[in-house]
């Protein structure tokens, strides 16, 4: 499957934060009103991706979700981080 522009954006933002970038996986799921992009990383990198008090994750979401189209019929974009620590 071809990588979308949003997946490419996510990859370019996330890879510099990771110690094990080869473990990065991005899955897209579209349902209803949303395109969900789920990020999976190595368990040791989850904390780096979330950041202290969730600041890094919040910044990533702001950037990625800000790329969505403002057309009335377009799906909204959501960024989720799969937390393997629990």
PDB file of N, CA and C in Angstrom:
ATOM      1  N   UNK A   1       0.842  -1.177   0.000  1.00  0.00           N
ATOM      2  CA  UNK A   1       0.000   0.000   0.000  1.00  0.00           C
ATOM      3  C   UNK A   1       0.891   1.245   0.000  1.00  0.00           C
ATOM      4  N   UNK A   2       0.501   2.231  -0.762  1.00  0.00           N
ATOM      5  CA  UNK A   2       1.288   3.453  -0.872  1.00  0.00           C
ATOM      6  C   UNK A   2       1.131   4.302   0.391  1.00  0.00           C
ATOM      7  N   UNK A   3       2.210   4.962   0.730  1.00  0.00           N
ATOM      8  CA  UNK A   3       2.203   5.826   1.908  1.00  0.00           C
ATOM      9  C   UNK A   3       1.524   7.153   1.557  1.00  0.00           C
ATOM     10  N   UNK A   4       0.620   7.587   2.416  1.00  0.00           N
ATOM     11  CA  UNK A   4      -0.080   8.851   2.185  1.00  0.00           C
ATOM     12  C   UNK A   4       0.805  10.021   2.616  1.00  0.00           C
ATOM     13  N   UNK A   5       0.388  11.222   2.256  1.00  0.00           N
ATOM     14  CA  UNK A   5       1.120  12.423   2.668  1.00  0.00           C
ATOM     15  C   UNK A   5       1.134  12.564   4.187  1.00  0.00           C
ATOM     16  N   UNK A   6       0.028  12.223   4.818  1.00  0.00           N
ATOM     17  CA  UNK A   6      -0.042  12.342   6.282  1.00  0.00           C
ATOM     18  C   UNK A   6       0.874  11.326   6.946  1.00  0.00           C
ATOM     19  N   UNK A   7       0.905  10.095   6.424  1.00  0.00           N
ATOM     20  CA  UNK A   7       1.816   9.092   6.971  1.00  0.00           C
ATOM     21  C   UNK A   7       3.266   9.540   6.812  1.00  0.00           C
ATOM     22  N   UNK A   8       3.576  10.130   5.682  1.00  0.00           N
ATOM     23  CA  UNK A   8       4.926  10.640   5.439  1.00  0.00           C
ATOM     24  C   UNK A   8       5.267  11.764   6.422  1.00  0.00           C
ATOM     25  N   UNK A   9       4.310  12.643   6.682  1.00  0.00           N
ATOM     26  CA  UNK A   9       4.507  13.719   7.651  1.00  0.00           C
ATOM     27  C   UNK A   9       4.751  13.145   9.045  1.00  0.00           C
ATOM     28  N   UNK A  10       3.925  12.188   9.441  1.00  0.00           N
ATOM     29  CA  UNK A  10       4.085  11.561  10.759  1.00  0.00           C
ATOM     30  C   UNK A  10       5.468  10.922  10.870  1.00  0.00           C
ATOM     31  N   UNK A  11       5.847  10.170   9.851  1.00  0.00           N
ATOM     32  CA  UNK A  11       7.156   9.496   9.850  1.00  0.00           C
ATOM     33  C   UNK A  11       8.293  10.517   9.991  1.00  0.00           C
ATOM     34  N   UNK A  12       8.210  11.629   9.266  1.00  0.00           N
ATOM     35  CA  UNK A  12       9.284  12.624   9.324  1.00  0.00           C
ATOM     36  C   UNK A  12       9.342  13.341  10.682  1.00  0.00           C
ATOM     37  N   UNK A  13       8.210  13.452  11.358  1.00  0.00           N
ATOM     38  CA  UNK A  13       8.194  14.083  12.674  1.00  0.00           C
ATOM     39  C   UNK A  13       8.648  13.132  13.781  1.00  0.00           C
ATOM     40  N   UNK A  14       8.320  11.851  13.656  1.00  0.00           N
ATOM     41  CA  UNK A  14       8.529  10.888  14.733  1.00  0.00           C
ATOM     42  C   UNK A  14       9.923  10.255  14.711  1.00  0.00           C
ATOM     43  N   UNK A  15      10.455   9.940  13.557  1.00  0.00           N
ATOM     44  CA  UNK A  15      11.738   9.219  13.473  1.00  0.00           C
ATOM     45  C   UNK A  15      12.867   9.893  14.256  1.00  0.00           C
ATOM     46  N   UNK A  16      13.031  11.218  14.211  1.00  0.00           N
ATOM     47  CA  UNK A  16      14.131  11.827  14.988  1.00  0.00           C
ATOM     48  C   UNK A  16      13.992  11.659  16.505  1.00  0.00           C
ATOM     49  N   UNK A  17      12.800  11.341  16.982  1.00  0.00           N
ATOM     50  CA  UNK A  17      12.577  11.190  18.416  1.00  0.00           C
ATOM     51  C   UNK A  17      12.921   9.800  18.935  1.00  0.00           C
ATOM     52  N   UNK A  18      13.077   8.833  18.052  1.00  0.00           N
ATOM     53  CA  UNK A  18      13.179   7.424  18.442  1.00  0.00           C
ATOM     54  C   UNK A  18      14.606   6.916  18.510  1.00  0.00           C
ATOM     55  N   UNK A  19      14.843   6.010  19.459  1.00  0.00           N
ATOM     56  CA  UNK A  19      16.125   5.294  19.529  1.00  0.00           C
ATOM     57  C   UNK A  19      16.120   4.104  18.569  1.00  0.00           C
ATOM     58  N   UNK A  20      14.935   3.535  18.327  1.00  0.00           N
ATOM     59  CA  UNK A  20      14.791   2.385  17.425  1.00  0.00           C
ATOM     60  C   UNK A  20      13.795   2.735  16.310  1.00  0.00           C
ATOM     61  N   UNK A  21      14.206   3.563  15.357  1.00  0.00           N
ATOM     62  CA  UNK A  21      13.270   3.997  14.315  1.00  0.00           C
ATOM     63  C   UNK A  21      12.796   2.861  13.407  1.00  0.00           C
ATOM     64  N   UNK A  22      13.551   1.779  13.330  1.00  0.00           N
ATOM     65  CA  UNK A  22      13.144   0.653  12.490  1.00  0.00           C
ATOM     66  C   UNK A  22      11.881  -0.025  13.018  1.00  0.00           C
ATOM     67  N   UNK A  23      11.532   0.191  14.277  1.00  0.00           N
ATOM     68  CA  UNK A  23      10.343  -0.419  14.871  1.00  0.00           C
ATOM     69  C   UNK A  23       9.077   0.411  14.630  1.00  0.00           C
ATOM     70  N   UNK A  24       9.208   1.557  13.995  1.00  0.00           N
ATOM     71  CA  UNK A  24       8.062   2.432  13.759  1.00  0.00           C
ATOM     72  C   UNK A  24       7.092   1.798  12.770  1.00  0.00           C
ATOM     73  N   UNK A  25       5.823   1.815  13.138  1.00  0.00           N
ATOM     74  CA  UNK A  25       4.758   1.319  12.277  1.00  0.00           C
ATOM     75  C   UNK A  25       3.589   2.292  12.371  1.00  0.00           C
ATOM     76  N   UNK A  26       3.050   2.671  11.211  1.00  0.00           N
ATOM     77  CA  UNK A  26       1.910   3.579  11.172  1.00  0.00           C
ATOM     78  C   UNK A  26       0.774   2.865  10.450  1.00  0.00           C
ATOM     79  N   UNK A  27      -0.362   2.767  11.122  1.00  0.00           N
ATOM     80  CA  UNK A  27      -1.535   2.096  10.562  1.00  0.00           C
ATOM     81  C   UNK A  27      -2.648   3.110  10.406  1.00  0.00           C
ATOM     82  N   UNK A  28      -3.305   3.072   9.257  1.00  0.00           N
ATOM     83  CA  UNK A  28      -4.434   3.970   9.029  1.00  0.00           C
ATOM     84  C   UNK A  28      -5.728   3.171   9.097  1.00  0.00           C
ATOM     85  N   UNK A  29      -6.707   3.716   9.814  1.00  0.00           N
ATOM     86  CA  UNK A  29      -8.042   3.120   9.873  1.00  0.00           C
ATOM     87  C   UNK A  29      -9.040   4.236   9.638  1.00  0.00           C
ATOM     88  N   UNK A  30      -9.864   4.068   8.650  1.00  0.00           N
ATOM     89  CA  UNK A  30     -10.889   5.063   8.364  1.00  0.00           C
ATOM     90  C   UNK A  30     -12.254   4.521   8.734  1.00  0.00           C
ATOM     91  N   UNK A  31     -12.969   5.275   9.532  1.00  0.00           N
ATOM     92  CA  UNK A  31     -14.323   4.864   9.887  1.00  0.00           C
ATOM     93  C   UNK A  31     -15.156   6.102  10.179  1.00  0.00           C
ATOM     94  N   UNK A  32     -16.350   6.098   9.677  1.00  0.00           N
ATOM     95  CA  UNK A  32     -17.258   7.212   9.951  1.00  0.00           C
ATOM     96  C   UNK A  32     -16.699   8.555   9.556  1.00  0.00           C
ATOM     97  N   UNK A  33     -16.487   9.403  10.545  1.00  0.00           N
ATOM     98  CA  UNK A  33     -16.033  10.777  10.307  1.00  0.00           C
ATOM     99  C   UNK A  33     -14.534  10.949  10.387  1.00  0.00           C
ATOM    100  N   UNK A  34     -13.783   9.895  10.734  1.00  0.00           N
ATOM    101  CA  UNK A  34     -12.360  10.063  11.043  1.00  0.00           C
ATOM    102  C   UNK A  34     -11.443   9.166  10.212  1.00  0.00           C
ATOM    103  N   UNK A  35     -10.244   9.682   9.961  1.00  0.00           N
ATOM    104  CA  UNK A  35      -9.092   8.890   9.511  1.00  0.00           C
ATOM    105  C   UNK A  35      -8.206   8.788  10.743  1.00  0.00           C
ATOM    106  N   UNK A  36      -8.057   7.596  11.285  1.00  0.00           N
ATOM    107  CA  UNK A  36      -7.217   7.408  12.461  1.00  0.00           C
ATOM    108  C   UNK A  36      -5.853   6.886  12.019  1.00  0.00           C
ATOM    109  N   UNK A  37      -4.804   7.529  12.499  1.00  0.00           N
ATOM    110  CA  UNK A  37      -3.435   7.077  12.248  1.00  0.00           C
ATOM    111  C   UNK A  37      -2.879   6.608  13.580  1.00  0.00           C
ATOM    112  N   UNK A  38      -2.566   5.326  13.656  1.00  0.00           N
ATOM    113  CA  UNK A  38      -2.105   4.715  14.898  1.00  0.00           C
ATOM    114  C   UNK A  38      -0.605   4.468  14.785  1.00  0.00           C
ATOM    115  N   UNK A  39       0.153   5.019  15.734  1.00  0.00           N
ATOM    116  CA  UNK A  39       1.601   4.891  15.745  1.00  0.00           C
ATOM    117  C   UNK A  39       1.991   3.788  16.723  1.00  0.00           C
ATOM    118  N   UNK A  40       2.776   2.834  16.245  1.00  0.00           N
ATOM    119  CA  UNK A  40       3.373   1.798  17.086  1.00  0.00           C
ATOM    120  C   UNK A  40       4.884   1.976  17.054  1.00  0.00           C
ATOM    121  N   UNK A  41       5.499   1.975  18.220  1.00  0.00           N
ATOM    122  CA  UNK A  41       6.955   2.063  18.327  1.00  0.00           C
ATOM    123  C   UNK A  41       7.428   1.010  19.319  1.00  0.00           C
ATOM    124  N   UNK A  42       8.729   0.859  19.442  1.00  0.00           N
ATOM    125  CA  UNK A  42       9.296  -0.061  20.424  1.00  0.00           C
ATOM    126  C   UNK A  42       8.887   0.395  21.827  1.00  0.00           C
ATOM    127  N   UNK A  43       8.680  -0.547  22.744  1.00  0.00           N
ATOM    128  CA  UNK A  43       8.248  -0.179  24.106  1.00  0.00           C
ATOM    129  C   UNK A  43       9.157   0.850  24.778  1.00  0.00           C
ATOM    130  N   UNK A  44      10.450   0.812  24.495  1.00  0.00           N
ATOM    131  CA  UNK A  44      11.385   1.769  25.102  1.00  0.00           C
ATOM    132  C   UNK A  44      11.226   3.181  24.537  1.00  0.00           C
ATOM    133  N   UNK A  45      10.589   3.320  23.380  1.00  0.00           N
ATOM    134  CA  UNK A  45      10.432   4.627  22.744  1.00  0.00           C
ATOM    135  C   UNK A  45       9.081   5.287  23.010  1.00  0.00           C
ATOM    136  N   UNK A  46       8.167   4.578  23.634  1.00  0.00           N
ATOM    137  CA  UNK A  46       6.839   5.136  23.872  1.00  0.00           C
ATOM    138  C   UNK A  46       6.929   6.409  24.721  1.00  0.00           C
ATOM    139  N   UNK A  47       7.731   6.382  25.764  1.00  0.00           N
ATOM    140  CA  UNK A  47       7.891   7.554  26.624  1.00  0.00           C
ATOM    141  C   UNK A  47       8.461   8.744  25.887  1.00  0.00           C
ATOM    142  N   UNK A  48       9.378   8.498  24.974  1.00  0.00           N
ATOM    143  CA  UNK A  48       9.955   9.590  24.178  1.00  0.00           C
ATOM    144  C   UNK A  48       8.900  10.212  23.279  1.00  0.00           C
ATOM    145  N   UNK A  49       8.011   9.387  22.760  1.00  0.00           N
ATOM    146  CA  UNK A  49       6.983   9.863  21.848  1.00  0.00           C
ATOM    147  C   UNK A  49       5.881  10.616  22.584  1.00  0.00           C
ATOM    148  N   UNK A  50       5.590  10.211  23.796  1.00  0.00           N
ATOM    149  CA  UNK A  50       4.562  10.888  24.585  1.00  0.00           C
ATOM    150  C   UNK A  50       5.126  12.151  25.219  1.00  0.00           C
ATOM    151  N   UNK A  51       6.337  12.074  25.741  1.00  0.00           N
ATOM    152  CA  UNK A  51       6.976  13.240  26.349  1.00  0.00           C
ATOM    153  C   UNK A  51       6.487  13.491  27.760  1.00  0.00           C
ATOM    154  N   UNK A  52       7.134  14.402  28.430  1.00  0.00           N
ATOM    155  CA  UNK A  52       6.731  14.747  29.793  1.00  0.00           C
ATOM    156  C   UNK A  52       5.360  15.390  29.786  1.00  0.00           C
ATOM    157  N   UNK A  53       4.498  14.835  30.597  1.00  0.00           N
ATOM    158  CA  UNK A  53       3.122  15.309  30.726  1.00  0.00           C
ATOM    159  C   UNK A  53       2.390  15.349  29.381  1.00  0.00           C
ATOM    160  N   UNK A  54       2.840  14.564  28.414  1.00  0.00           N
ATOM    161  CA  UNK A  54       2.161  14.464  27.127  1.00  0.00           C
ATOM    162  C   UNK A  54       2.398  15.610  26.174  1.00  0.00           C
ATOM    163  N   UNK A  55       3.411  16.434  26.444  1.00  0.00           N
ATOM    164  CA  UNK A  55       3.654  17.610  25.605  1.00  0.00           C
ATOM    165  C   UNK A  55       4.069  17.262  24.180  1.00  0.00           C
ATOM    166  N   UNK A  56       4.897  16.253  24.013  1.00  0.00           N
ATOM    167  CA  UNK A  56       5.344  15.872  22.664  1.00  0.00           C
ATOM    168  C   UNK A  56       4.161  15.313  21.878  1.00  0.00           C
ATOM    169  N   UNK A  57       3.387  14.428  22.495  1.00  0.00           N
ATOM    170  CA  UNK A  57       2.217  13.855  21.829  1.00  0.00           C
ATOM    171  C   UNK A  57       1.226  14.944  21.445  1.00  0.00           C
ATOM    172  N   UNK A  58       1.006  15.891  22.316  1.00  0.00           N
ATOM    173  CA  UNK A  58       0.081  16.994  22.030  1.00  0.00           C
ATOM    174  C   UNK A  58       0.571  17.828  20.847  1.00  0.00           C
ATOM    175  N   UNK A  59       1.864  18.086  20.794  1.00  0.00           N
ATOM    176  CA  UNK A  59       2.425  18.862  19.687  1.00  0.00           C
ATOM    177  C   UNK A  59       2.290  18.094  18.367  1.00  0.00           C
ATOM    178  N   UNK A  60       2.564  16.790  18.393  1.00  0.00           N
ATOM    179  CA  UNK A  60       2.409  15.969  17.187  1.00  0.00           C
ATOM    180  C   UNK A  60       0.963  15.987  16.704  1.00  0.00           C
ATOM    181  N   UNK A  61       0.040  15.845  17.637  1.00  0.00           N
ATOM    182  CA  UNK A  61      -1.385  15.863  17.268  1.00  0.00           C
ATOM    183  C   UNK A  61      -1.778  17.216  16.670  1.00  0.00           C
ATOM    184  N   UNK A  62      -1.291  18.296  17.241  1.00  0.00           N
ATOM    185  CA  UNK A  62      -1.610  19.628  16.731  1.00  0.00           C
ATOM    186  C   UNK A  62      -1.145  19.780  15.286  1.00  0.00           C
ATOM    187  N   UNK A  63       0.064  19.340  15.004  1.00  0.00           N
ATOM    188  CA  UNK A  63       0.610  19.457  13.647  1.00  0.00           C
ATOM    189  C   UNK A  63      -0.161  18.580  12.674  1.00  0.00           C
ATOM    190  N   UNK A  64      -0.337  17.310  13.020  1.00  0.00           N
ATOM    191  CA  UNK A  64      -0.976  16.360  12.104  1.00  0.00           C
ATOM    192  C   UNK A  64      -2.448  16.684  11.912  1.00  0.00           C
ATOM    193  N   UNK A  65      -3.155  16.954  12.982  1.00  0.00           N
ATOM    194  CA  UNK A  65      -4.579  17.250  12.863  1.00  0.00           C
ATOM    195  C   UNK A  65      -4.831  18.599  12.213  1.00  0.00           C
ATOM    196  N   UNK A  66      -3.846  19.477  12.238  1.00  0.00           N
ATOM    197  CA  UNK A  66      -3.973  20.772  11.581  1.00  0.00           C
ATOM    198  C   UNK A  66      -3.862  20.692  10.076  1.00  0.00           C
ATOM    199  N   UNK A  67      -3.450  19.557   9.552  1.00  0.00           N
ATOM    200  CA  UNK A  67      -3.313  19.399   8.103  1.00  0.00           C
ATOM    201  C   UNK A  67      -4.611  19.024   7.427  1.00  0.00           C
ATOM    202  N   UNK A  68      -5.636  18.736   8.209  1.00  0.00           N
ATOM    203  CA  UNK A  68      -6.889  18.259   7.622  1.00  0.00           C
ATOM    204  C   UNK A  68      -7.568  19.327   6.792  1.00  0.00           C
ATOM    205  N   UNK A  69      -8.311  18.861   5.845  1.00  0.00           N
ATOM    206  CA  UNK A  69      -9.047  19.747   4.956  1.00  0.00           C
ATOM    207  C   UNK A  69     -10.208  20.390   5.699  1.00  0.00           C
ATOM    208  N   UNK A  70     -10.539  21.589   5.340  1.00  0.00           N
ATOM    209  CA  UNK A  70     -11.636  22.307   5.984  1.00  0.00           C
ATOM    210  C   UNK A  70     -12.951  22.144   5.214  1.00  0.00           C
ATOM    211  N   UNK A  71     -12.965  21.271   4.216  1.00  0.00           N
ATOM    212  CA  UNK A  71     -14.198  21.050   3.461  1.00  0.00           C
ATOM    213  C   UNK A  71     -15.231  20.348   4.347  1.00  0.00           C
ATOM    214  N   UNK A  72     -16.477  20.634   4.114  1.00  0.00           N
ATOM    215  CA  UNK A  72     -17.552  20.110   4.954  1.00  0.00           C
ATOM    216  C   UNK A  72     -17.657  18.583   4.876  1.00  0.00           C
ATOM    217  N   UNK A  73     -17.370  17.987   3.732  1.00  0.00           N
ATOM    218  CA  UNK A  73     -17.559  16.545   3.575  1.00  0.00           C
ATOM    219  C   UNK A  73     -16.290  15.728   3.809  1.00  0.00           C
ATOM    220  N   UNK A  74     -15.192  16.354   4.216  1.00  0.00           N
ATOM    221  CA  UNK A  74     -13.947  15.607   4.400  1.00  0.00           C
ATOM    222  C   UNK A  74     -13.886  14.992   5.795  1.00  0.00           C
ATOM    223  N   UNK A  75     -13.173  13.878   5.885  1.00  0.00           N
ATOM    224  CA  UNK A  75     -13.012  13.204   7.172  1.00  0.00           C
ATOM    225  C   UNK A  75     -11.970  13.935   8.006  1.00  0.00           C
ATOM    226  N   UNK A  76     -12.150  13.889   9.314  1.00  0.00           N
ATOM    227  CA  UNK A  76     -11.197  14.514  10.237  1.00  0.00           C
ATOM    228  C   UNK A  76     -10.053  13.538  10.489  1.00  0.00           C
ATOM    229  N   UNK A  77      -8.905  14.070  10.856  1.00  0.00           N
ATOM    230  CA  UNK A  77      -7.707  13.275  11.108  1.00  0.00           C
ATOM    231  C   UNK A  77      -7.485  13.167  12.607  1.00  0.00           C
ATOM    232  N   UNK A  78      -7.196  11.964  13.084  1.00  0.00           N
ATOM    233  CA  UNK A  78      -6.870  11.720  14.490  1.00  0.00           C
ATOM    234  C   UNK A  78      -5.561  10.949  14.555  1.00  0.00           C
ATOM    235  N   UNK A  79      -4.705  11.322  15.489  1.00  0.00           N
ATOM    236  CA  UNK A  79      -3.420  10.660  15.704  1.00  0.00           C
ATOM    237  C   UNK A  79      -3.462   9.955  17.055  1.00  0.00           C
ATOM    238  N   UNK A  80      -3.191   8.656  17.051  1.00  0.00           N
ATOM    239  CA  UNK A  80      -3.201   7.856  18.270  1.00  0.00           C
ATOM    240  C   UNK A  80      -1.840   7.185  18.446  1.00  0.00           C
ATOM    241  N   UNK A  81      -1.408   7.070  19.686  1.00  0.00           N
ATOM    242  CA  UNK A  81      -0.142   6.404  20.007  1.00  0.00           C
ATOM    243  C   UNK A  81      -0.474   5.137  20.783  1.00  0.00           C
ATOM    244  N   UNK A  82      -0.032   3.997  20.261  1.00  0.00           N
ATOM    245  CA  UNK A  82      -0.279   2.715  20.901  1.00  0.00           C
ATOM    246  C   UNK A  82       0.720   2.574  22.063  1.00  0.00           C
ATOM    247  N   UNK A  83       0.203   2.590  23.282  1.00  0.00           N
ATOM    248  CA  UNK A  83       1.037   2.543  24.484  1.00  0.00           C
ATOM    249  C   UNK A  83       1.153   1.105  24.980  1.00  0.00           C
ATOM    250  N   UNK A  84       2.314   0.496  24.751  1.00  0.00           N
ATOM    251  CA  UNK A  84       2.554  -0.899  25.142  1.00  0.00           C
ATOM    252  C   UNK A  84       3.027  -1.013  26.583  1.00  0.00           C
ATOM    253  N   UNK A  85       3.141   0.086  27.291  1.00  0.00           N
ATOM    254  CA  UNK A  85       3.712   0.044  28.636  1.00  0.00           C
ATOM    255  C   UNK A  85       2.747  -0.510  29.663  1.00  0.00           C
ATOM    256  N   UNK A  86       1.463  -0.545  29.374  1.00  0.00           N
ATOM    257  CA  UNK A  86       0.463  -0.981  30.353  1.00  0.00           C
ATOM    258  C   UNK A  86      -0.017  -2.374  30.050  1.00  0.00           C
TER     259      UNK A  86
END
